[in-house]
Amino acid sequence: MTPAPSSPNRSSSLLFDSVEQEAYLQLWRTYDRLREIDERVFQKYGITAQQYNALRILRSVRPGALSTSALGARLVSRAADMTRLLDKLEEQGLVARKRCEENRRVVYVSITATGATLISKLAAAVRRCGQDQLGHLDAKTLRTLIKILERARDPHEDEAAGDAWPGNQGSRRRGVR
C-alpha cells in the first residue's frame, strides 16, 4: 500500500519534534530565502554580506579605527576567520590594518577611501534589497517582528560584548519580555 501524499494542512506536530523546533526551522528557512537576495546584490560588487557588514561598521567610526575584536563583536554574525575576512578586504584596498605599538597582539582596522566609496555606491542597492526582502510587510508588523527576534535572541547574547551590536537594544533592560 502506498502512503497518502502529504497534505498541506497536515498537523505541525507530525512534521516537527516541538513547537520550538518548528519556530527555529521557520526562522532558518526565512533567513535562507532572504540571504539569497542580498548575496545577489553583494556578488555584483565582489564582496560578501559579511564583508559589507564589516565595511559598514568601519565606515561608522571613520576616520577612526576598531580593534579586530571590537569589529568582530559588532558583526551581525560571528566571523569564523576574521583574519581571512580582513585579508580579502585589504587585498581589494577596502581596509587598512595597523598593529598597536603598545600591544603587538592588537590590530586596528580602518576603512579606506576606496572602501567608503564602495559603501556609498552600494547604498541604493542595499535599500532596494531590504525592500525586496521585507517591503511586503507594513512598519507595525516589522517593529513587532524586531521585538520578537530581540526577545528570542536576548538570553543567548554575549553579556561580555554588551550592546556592541547596534541591533541589541537591550530588551532585558527595556523591560521587554
Protein backbone atom coordinates (compact mmCIF):
# COMPACT_ATOMS: atom_id res chain seq x y z
CA MET A 1 0.00 0.00 0.00
CA THR A 2 1.38 3.42 -0.97
CA PRO A 3 1.33 6.14 1.66
CA ALA A 4 -1.04 9.03 1.02
CA PRO A 5 0.65 12.19 -0.24
CA SER A 6 1.29 14.77 2.45
CA SER A 7 -1.40 17.30 2.86
CA PRO A 8 -0.52 20.99 3.17
CA ASN A 9 -2.86 21.05 6.18
CA ARG A 10 -1.02 18.23 7.90
CA SER A 11 -0.57 18.86 11.61
CA SER A 12 2.71 20.57 12.57
CA SER A 13 3.09 18.11 15.43
CA LEU A 14 3.62 15.37 12.86
CA LEU A 15 6.28 17.34 10.98
CA PHE A 16 8.33 18.76 13.85
CA ASP A 17 9.54 17.41 17.19
CA SER A 18 8.37 20.51 19.06
CA VAL A 19 6.92 23.97 18.52
CA GLU A 20 10.37 25.37 19.38
CA GLN A 21 11.91 23.28 16.60
CA GLU A 22 9.24 24.42 14.15
CA ALA A 23 9.83 28.09 15.05
CA TYR A 24 13.60 27.67 14.71
CA LEU A 25 13.34 25.91 11.35
CA GLN A 26 10.88 28.55 10.09
CA LEU A 27 13.41 31.21 11.10
CA TRP A 28 16.27 29.34 9.42
CA ARG A 29 14.31 28.84 6.18
CA THR A 30 13.31 32.52 6.17
CA TYR A 31 16.94 33.54 6.66
CA ASP A 32 17.99 31.27 3.81
CA ARG A 33 15.46 32.76 1.39
CA LEU A 34 16.25 36.36 2.34
CA ARG A 35 20.03 35.73 2.26
CA GLU A 36 19.80 34.68 -1.40
CA ILE A 37 18.53 38.17 -2.23
CA ASP A 38 21.38 40.04 -0.55
CA GLU A 39 24.01 37.64 -1.90
CA ARG A 40 22.99 38.63 -5.45
CA VAL A 41 23.48 42.31 -4.57
CA PHE A 42 26.90 41.90 -2.97
CA GLN A 43 28.23 39.48 -5.62
CA LYS A 44 27.89 42.27 -8.20
CA TYR A 45 30.43 44.26 -6.18
CA GLY A 46 32.78 41.36 -5.44
CA ILE A 47 32.14 41.18 -1.71
CA THR A 48 30.09 39.06 0.67
CA ALA A 49 27.35 40.19 3.03
CA GLN A 50 29.76 39.63 5.94
CA GLN A 51 32.40 41.82 4.29
CA TYR A 52 29.79 44.51 3.62
CA ASN A 53 28.78 44.37 7.27
CA ALA A 54 32.42 44.87 8.35
CA LEU A 55 32.83 47.80 5.95
CA ARG A 56 29.58 49.39 7.13
CA ILE A 57 30.75 49.18 10.76
CA LEU A 58 34.17 50.62 9.92
CA ARG A 59 32.56 53.47 7.98
CA SER A 60 30.55 54.35 11.11
CA VAL A 61 33.78 55.03 13.06
CA ARG A 62 35.62 56.75 10.20
CA PRO A 63 38.14 58.36 10.34
CA GLY A 64 38.87 56.22 13.40
CA ALA A 65 39.59 52.51 13.59
CA LEU A 66 38.45 49.49 15.59
CA SER A 67 40.42 46.63 17.01
CA THR A 68 39.69 43.35 15.26
CA SER A 69 37.99 42.07 18.43
CA ALA A 70 35.73 45.15 18.67
CA LEU A 71 34.87 44.80 14.98
CA GLY A 72 34.08 41.10 15.49
CA ALA A 73 31.75 41.93 18.40
CA ARG A 74 29.76 44.32 16.22
CA LEU A 75 29.28 41.95 13.27
CA VAL A 76 25.77 40.61 12.75
CA SER A 77 27.14 37.06 12.68
CA ARG A 78 30.42 35.86 14.07
CA ALA A 79 33.27 35.63 11.59
CA ALA A 80 34.83 32.20 11.87
CA ASP A 81 38.09 33.56 10.49
CA MET A 82 38.36 37.32 11.00
CA THR A 83 41.92 37.34 9.63
CA ARG A 84 40.82 35.85 6.31
CA LEU A 85 37.85 38.24 6.06
CA LEU A 86 40.17 41.21 6.62
CA ASP A 87 42.86 39.80 4.30
CA LYS A 88 40.36 39.75 1.44
CA LEU A 89 39.16 43.29 2.16
CA GLU A 90 42.74 44.54 2.43
CA GLU A 91 43.70 42.84 -0.87
CA GLN A 92 40.90 44.83 -2.54
CA GLY A 93 42.15 48.06 -0.94
CA LEU A 94 38.95 48.46 1.10
CA VAL A 95 40.51 48.39 4.59
CA ALA A 96 43.86 49.11 6.20
CA ARG A 97 45.32 47.41 9.25
CA LYS A 98 47.80 48.76 11.76
CA ARG A 99 49.36 46.88 14.66
CA CYS A 100 49.15 48.62 18.05
CA GLU A 101 52.58 49.80 19.16
CA GLU A 102 51.88 49.27 22.89
CA ASN A 103 50.44 45.77 22.47
CA ARG A 104 51.59 43.98 19.32
CA ARG A 105 48.75 41.42 19.64
CA VAL A 106 46.17 44.14 18.95
CA VAL A 107 45.46 45.11 15.35
CA TYR A 108 43.38 48.14 14.41
CA VAL A 109 41.30 48.18 11.24
CA SER A 110 40.03 51.21 9.36
CA ILE A 111 38.09 51.67 6.13
CA THR A 112 39.96 53.24 3.24
CA ALA A 113 38.61 55.92 0.90
CA THR A 114 38.02 53.14 -1.66
CA GLY A 115 36.03 51.16 0.92
CA ALA A 116 33.95 54.20 1.86
CA THR A 117 33.25 54.87 -1.83
CA LEU A 118 32.10 51.28 -2.30
CA ILE A 119 29.70 51.57 0.66
CA SER A 120 28.28 54.77 -0.85
CA LYS A 121 27.84 53.05 -4.23
CA LEU A 122 26.02 50.19 -2.53
CA ALA A 123 23.58 52.38 -0.57
CA ALA A 124 20.72 52.41 -3.09
CA ALA A 125 21.13 48.70 -3.90
CA VAL A 126 21.08 47.81 -0.19
CA ARG A 127 17.89 49.84 0.34
CA ARG A 128 16.28 48.06 -2.66
CA CYS A 129 17.44 44.74 -1.26
CA GLY A 130 15.68 45.45 2.04
CA GLN A 131 12.54 46.36 0.13
CA ASP A 132 12.76 43.14 -1.88
CA GLN A 133 13.26 41.13 1.29
CA LEU A 134 10.68 42.63 3.65
CA GLY A 135 8.96 45.50 1.86
CA HIS A 136 5.74 43.49 1.68
CA LEU A 137 5.35 43.88 5.47
CA ASP A 138 4.00 47.09 6.98
CA ALA A 139 6.00 49.10 9.55
CA LYS A 140 3.94 47.92 12.53
CA THR A 141 4.48 44.26 11.59
CA LEU A 142 8.20 44.87 11.12
CA ARG A 143 8.51 46.53 14.55
CA THR A 144 6.68 43.58 16.11
CA LEU A 145 8.96 41.14 14.30
CA ILE A 146 12.03 43.03 15.54
CA LYS A 147 10.80 42.85 19.15
CA ILE A 148 10.07 39.13 18.86
CA LEU A 149 13.51 38.45 17.41
CA GLU A 150 15.18 40.52 20.15
CA ARG A 151 13.31 38.51 22.79
CA ALA A 152 14.29 35.21 21.17
CA ARG A 153 17.95 36.24 20.94
CA ASP A 154 18.28 38.07 24.27
CA PRO A 155 19.19 35.16 26.60
CA HIS A 156 21.83 34.00 24.12
CA GLU A 157 23.67 37.28 23.63
CA ASP A 158 27.21 37.56 24.92
CA GLU A 159 26.98 39.70 28.04
CA ALA A 160 30.70 40.49 27.83
CA ALA A 161 30.13 42.15 24.45
CA GLY A 162 27.35 44.25 25.97
CA ASP A 163 25.39 46.12 23.37
CA ALA A 164 28.23 46.22 20.84
CA TRP A 165 25.93 45.20 18.01
CA PRO A 166 23.61 48.12 17.21
CA GLY A 167 20.68 45.69 16.81
CA ASN A 168 20.96 44.82 20.50
CA GLN A 169 18.64 47.29 22.07
CA GLY A 170 18.94 45.61 25.45
CA SER A 171 15.45 44.12 25.68
CA ARG A 172 16.13 42.94 29.24
CA ARG A 173 16.97 46.47 30.30
CA ARG A 174 13.98 47.96 28.49
CA GLY A 175 11.60 45.63 30.25
CA VAL A 176 10.59 43.86 27.04
CA ARG A 177 9.69 40.32 27.97
